[in-house]
């Protein structure tokens, strides 16, 4: 499942497998095993894709949306997640109802 999507991302970025591996801080061997489907990508690798290339994790995992997001969309998603966590902490500590 991930292999074809990773290949699609890499090709849209006009990168070789070796370049893509280097830029995402993994070995060439690890990356090619992801692309072939021999191994599932690590969390750190997926995090690098999202942060460095604005890859839409929903597209990668659940086939939802487009392959890439805008930086603003990513920031809004992170902001919403942080606000939700803050609300939960405040509720759990009895500060808000």
N, C-alpha and C. Protein backbone atom coordinates (compact mmCIF):
# COMPACT_ATOMS: atom_id res chain seq x y z
N UNK A 1 0.83 -1.19 0.00
CA UNK A 1 0.00 0.00 0.00
C UNK A 1 0.87 1.26 0.00
N UNK A 2 1.85 1.33 0.90
CA UNK A 2 2.68 2.52 0.98
C UNK A 2 3.63 2.65 -0.20
N UNK A 3 4.09 1.53 -0.72
CA UNK A 3 5.12 1.54 -1.76
C UNK A 3 4.79 2.41 -2.95
N UNK A 4 3.61 2.21 -3.53
CA UNK A 4 3.22 2.98 -4.71
C UNK A 4 3.04 4.46 -4.37
N UNK A 5 2.53 4.73 -3.18
CA UNK A 5 2.32 6.12 -2.78
C UNK A 5 3.66 6.82 -2.54
N UNK A 6 4.59 6.12 -1.91
CA UNK A 6 5.91 6.71 -1.69
C UNK A 6 6.60 6.98 -3.02
N UNK A 7 6.45 6.05 -3.93
CA UNK A 7 7.03 6.23 -5.26
C UNK A 7 6.40 7.44 -5.96
N UNK A 8 5.08 7.58 -5.82
CA UNK A 8 4.38 8.72 -6.42
C UNK A 8 4.89 10.04 -5.85
N UNK A 9 5.03 10.10 -4.53
CA UNK A 9 5.54 11.32 -3.88
C UNK A 9 6.94 11.63 -4.38
N UNK A 10 7.80 10.62 -4.36
CA UNK A 10 9.19 10.80 -4.77
C UNK A 10 9.28 11.31 -6.20
N UNK A 11 8.48 10.74 -7.09
CA UNK A 11 8.52 11.15 -8.50
C UNK A 11 7.98 12.57 -8.68
N UNK A 12 6.94 12.93 -7.92
CA UNK A 12 6.41 14.29 -8.00
C UNK A 12 7.45 15.30 -7.52
N UNK A 13 8.32 14.87 -6.63
CA UNK A 13 9.39 15.74 -6.13
C UNK A 13 10.63 15.68 -7.01
N UNK A 14 10.58 14.87 -8.06
CA UNK A 14 11.70 14.69 -8.99
C UNK A 14 12.99 14.26 -8.29
N UNK A 15 12.86 13.28 -7.40
CA UNK A 15 14.01 12.79 -6.66
C UNK A 15 14.26 11.32 -6.97
N UNK A 16 15.53 10.94 -6.97
CA UNK A 16 15.87 9.52 -7.10
C UNK A 16 15.60 8.85 -5.75
N UNK A 17 15.61 7.53 -5.74
CA UNK A 17 15.42 6.82 -4.48
C UNK A 17 16.51 7.20 -3.48
N UNK A 18 17.73 7.29 -3.96
CA UNK A 18 18.86 7.63 -3.08
C UNK A 18 18.72 9.04 -2.52
N UNK A 19 18.35 10.00 -3.36
CA UNK A 19 18.16 11.38 -2.91
C UNK A 19 17.04 11.46 -1.88
N UNK A 20 15.94 10.77 -2.17
CA UNK A 20 14.79 10.80 -1.27
C UNK A 20 15.15 10.19 0.08
N UNK A 21 15.88 9.09 0.06
CA UNK A 21 16.31 8.45 1.30
C UNK A 21 17.20 9.41 2.11
N UNK A 22 18.17 10.00 1.46
CA UNK A 22 19.08 10.92 2.13
C UNK A 22 18.33 12.11 2.73
N UNK A 23 17.41 12.67 1.97
CA UNK A 23 16.69 13.86 2.44
C UNK A 23 15.69 13.56 3.54
N UNK A 24 15.31 12.28 3.69
CA UNK A 24 14.38 11.92 4.76
C UNK A 24 15.09 11.19 5.90
N UNK A 25 16.42 11.25 5.88
CA UNK A 25 17.26 10.73 6.97
C UNK A 25 17.14 9.23 7.21
N UNK A 26 17.02 8.47 6.11
CA UNK A 26 17.05 7.02 6.23
C UNK A 26 18.04 6.47 5.20
N UNK A 27 18.36 5.22 5.33
CA UNK A 27 19.29 4.62 4.37
C UNK A 27 18.57 4.31 3.06
N UNK A 28 19.35 4.23 2.02
CA UNK A 28 18.82 3.86 0.71
C UNK A 28 18.14 2.49 0.80
N UNK A 29 18.77 1.58 1.49
CA UNK A 29 18.23 0.22 1.63
C UNK A 29 16.87 0.23 2.33
N UNK A 30 16.76 1.02 3.39
CA UNK A 30 15.48 1.12 4.11
C UNK A 30 14.41 1.70 3.20
N UNK A 31 14.77 2.77 2.49
CA UNK A 31 13.77 3.39 1.62
C UNK A 31 13.30 2.43 0.53
N UNK A 32 14.23 1.76 -0.12
CA UNK A 32 13.82 0.85 -1.21
C UNK A 32 12.94 -0.28 -0.67
N UNK A 33 13.18 -0.70 0.57
CA UNK A 33 12.32 -1.74 1.15
C UNK A 33 10.92 -1.19 1.42
N UNK A 34 10.80 0.09 1.74
CA UNK A 34 9.48 0.72 1.89
C UNK A 34 8.78 0.76 0.54
N UNK A 35 9.50 1.21 -0.47
CA UNK A 35 8.89 1.38 -1.79
C UNK A 35 8.49 0.04 -2.40
N UNK A 36 9.26 -1.01 -2.14
CA UNK A 36 8.92 -2.34 -2.64
C UNK A 36 7.79 -2.98 -1.84
N UNK A 37 7.54 -2.45 -0.66
CA UNK A 37 6.51 -3.02 0.19
C UNK A 37 7.01 -4.13 1.09
N UNK A 38 8.33 -4.27 1.21
CA UNK A 38 8.91 -5.30 2.08
C UNK A 38 8.82 -4.91 3.55
N UNK A 39 8.83 -3.61 3.83
CA UNK A 39 8.75 -3.09 5.20
C UNK A 39 7.76 -1.94 5.24
N UNK A 40 7.15 -1.77 6.40
CA UNK A 40 6.30 -0.61 6.61
C UNK A 40 7.17 0.55 7.08
N UNK A 41 6.85 1.75 6.62
CA UNK A 41 7.65 2.93 7.01
C UNK A 41 7.58 3.18 8.52
N UNK A 42 8.68 3.68 9.06
CA UNK A 42 8.72 4.02 10.48
C UNK A 42 7.93 5.31 10.72
N UNK A 43 7.57 5.53 11.97
CA UNK A 43 6.87 6.76 12.33
C UNK A 43 7.74 7.97 12.03
N UNK A 44 9.03 7.87 12.33
CA UNK A 44 9.94 9.00 12.10
C UNK A 44 10.01 9.36 10.62
N UNK A 45 10.02 8.35 9.77
CA UNK A 45 10.05 8.59 8.32
C UNK A 45 8.77 9.30 7.89
N UNK A 46 7.63 8.82 8.35
CA UNK A 46 6.35 9.45 7.99
C UNK A 46 6.30 10.89 8.50
N UNK A 47 6.81 11.10 9.70
CA UNK A 47 6.86 12.45 10.27
C UNK A 47 7.71 13.36 9.40
N UNK A 48 8.85 12.86 8.92
CA UNK A 48 9.70 13.64 8.03
C UNK A 48 8.98 14.01 6.74
N UNK A 49 8.21 13.07 6.18
CA UNK A 49 7.46 13.37 4.96
C UNK A 49 6.47 14.50 5.18
N UNK A 50 5.77 14.44 6.30
CA UNK A 50 4.76 15.46 6.61
C UNK A 50 5.42 16.82 6.83
N UNK A 51 6.46 16.85 7.63
CA UNK A 51 7.08 18.13 7.99
C UNK A 51 7.94 18.71 6.87
N UNK A 52 8.68 17.86 6.17
CA UNK A 52 9.61 18.36 5.16
C UNK A 52 8.95 18.62 3.81
N UNK A 53 8.02 17.75 3.42
CA UNK A 53 7.43 17.85 2.08
C UNK A 53 5.94 18.16 2.08
N UNK A 54 5.36 18.38 3.25
CA UNK A 54 3.93 18.67 3.36
C UNK A 54 3.06 17.55 2.79
N UNK A 55 3.50 16.31 2.99
CA UNK A 55 2.71 15.17 2.54
C UNK A 55 1.48 15.07 3.43
N UNK A 56 0.34 14.84 2.82
CA UNK A 56 -0.92 14.70 3.52
C UNK A 56 -0.98 13.28 4.10
N UNK A 57 -0.85 13.16 5.41
CA UNK A 57 -0.85 11.85 6.05
C UNK A 57 -2.18 11.13 5.85
N UNK A 58 -3.28 11.87 5.78
CA UNK A 58 -4.58 11.24 5.51
C UNK A 58 -4.59 10.57 4.14
N UNK A 59 -3.97 11.21 3.17
CA UNK A 59 -3.89 10.61 1.83
C UNK A 59 -3.01 9.36 1.87
N UNK A 60 -1.89 9.46 2.54
CA UNK A 60 -0.94 8.36 2.59
C UNK A 60 -1.53 7.13 3.28
N UNK A 61 -2.25 7.35 4.37
CA UNK A 61 -2.75 6.24 5.17
C UNK A 61 -4.17 5.82 4.77
N UNK A 62 -5.03 6.81 4.50
CA UNK A 62 -6.45 6.49 4.31
C UNK A 62 -7.01 6.87 2.95
N UNK A 63 -6.16 7.21 2.00
CA UNK A 63 -6.61 7.61 0.66
C UNK A 63 -7.60 8.77 0.67
N UNK A 64 -7.41 9.69 1.60
CA UNK A 64 -8.32 10.82 1.72
C UNK A 64 -7.60 12.12 1.37
N UNK A 65 -8.14 12.86 0.42
CA UNK A 65 -7.56 14.14 0.05
C UNK A 65 -6.49 14.02 -1.01
N UNK A 66 -5.66 15.04 -1.08
CA UNK A 66 -4.59 15.13 -2.07
C UNK A 66 -3.27 14.69 -1.45
N UNK A 67 -2.28 14.33 -2.29
CA UNK A 67 -0.99 13.88 -1.75
C UNK A 67 -0.25 14.92 -0.91
N UNK A 68 -0.40 16.19 -1.25
CA UNK A 68 0.32 17.24 -0.53
C UNK A 68 -0.67 18.24 0.07
N UNK A 69 -0.28 18.80 1.21
CA UNK A 69 -1.08 19.85 1.84
C UNK A 69 -0.30 21.15 1.75
N UNK A 70 -0.98 22.23 2.01
CA UNK A 70 -0.28 23.51 2.09
C UNK A 70 0.27 23.66 3.50
N UNK A 71 1.27 24.48 3.67
CA UNK A 71 1.82 24.69 5.01
C UNK A 71 0.75 25.26 5.94
N UNK A 72 -0.10 26.12 5.42
CA UNK A 72 -1.15 26.70 6.25
C UNK A 72 -2.12 25.64 6.73
N UNK A 73 -2.47 24.70 5.87
CA UNK A 73 -3.38 23.63 6.26
C UNK A 73 -2.75 22.77 7.34
N UNK A 74 -1.47 22.49 7.20
CA UNK A 74 -0.76 21.70 8.20
C UNK A 74 -0.72 22.45 9.54
N UNK A 75 -0.42 23.73 9.49
CA UNK A 75 -0.38 24.53 10.72
C UNK A 75 -1.74 24.57 11.38
N UNK A 76 -2.81 24.72 10.62
CA UNK A 76 -4.16 24.76 11.17
C UNK A 76 -4.51 23.43 11.83
N UNK A 77 -4.14 22.33 11.19
CA UNK A 77 -4.43 21.01 11.76
C UNK A 77 -3.69 20.84 13.08
N UNK A 78 -2.41 21.21 13.10
CA UNK A 78 -1.64 21.10 14.33
C UNK A 78 -2.19 22.02 15.41
N UNK A 79 -2.59 23.23 15.03
CA UNK A 79 -3.15 24.17 15.99
C UNK A 79 -4.43 23.61 16.60
N UNK A 80 -5.30 23.04 15.77
CA UNK A 80 -6.54 22.46 16.26
C UNK A 80 -6.28 21.30 17.21
N UNK A 81 -5.31 20.47 16.89
CA UNK A 81 -4.96 19.34 17.75
C UNK A 81 -4.42 19.82 19.09
N UNK A 82 -3.59 20.84 19.08
CA UNK A 82 -3.03 21.37 20.32
C UNK A 82 -4.12 22.00 21.17
N UNK A 83 -5.02 22.76 20.55
CA UNK A 83 -6.11 23.37 21.30
C UNK A 83 -7.01 22.31 21.94
N UNK A 84 -7.27 21.22 21.22
CA UNK A 84 -8.07 20.14 21.75
C UNK A 84 -7.39 19.50 22.96
N UNK A 85 -6.09 19.28 22.86
CA UNK A 85 -5.35 18.71 23.98
C UNK A 85 -5.38 19.63 25.20
N UNK A 86 -5.23 20.93 24.96
CA UNK A 86 -5.28 21.90 26.07
C UNK A 86 -6.65 21.86 26.73
N UNK A 87 -7.71 21.82 25.92
CA UNK A 87 -9.06 21.75 26.46
C UNK A 87 -9.25 20.50 27.32
N UNK A 88 -8.75 19.38 26.84
CA UNK A 88 -8.88 18.13 27.59
C UNK A 88 -8.15 18.20 28.92
N UNK A 89 -6.97 18.79 28.93
CA UNK A 89 -6.20 18.92 30.17
C UNK A 89 -6.93 19.84 31.14
N UNK A 90 -7.43 20.96 30.64
CA UNK A 90 -8.17 21.90 31.50
C UNK A 90 -9.41 21.23 32.06
N UNK A 91 -10.11 20.46 31.26
CA UNK A 91 -11.32 19.75 31.72
C UNK A 91 -10.96 18.70 32.78
N UNK A 92 -9.92 17.92 32.52
CA UNK A 92 -9.50 16.87 33.44
C UNK A 92 -9.07 17.44 34.79
N UNK A 93 -8.55 18.64 34.79
CA UNK A 93 -8.10 19.27 36.04
C UNK A 93 -9.18 20.15 36.67
N UNK A 94 -10.39 20.10 36.14
CA UNK A 94 -11.51 20.82 36.72
C UNK A 94 -11.47 22.32 36.49
N UNK A 95 -10.65 22.79 35.59
CA UNK A 95 -10.53 24.22 35.36
C UNK A 95 -11.67 24.72 34.48
N UNK A 96 -12.12 23.87 33.55
CA UNK A 96 -13.29 24.19 32.74
C UNK A 96 -14.26 23.02 32.79
N UNK A 97 -15.51 23.30 32.45
CA UNK A 97 -16.54 22.25 32.43
C UNK A 97 -17.00 22.00 31.02
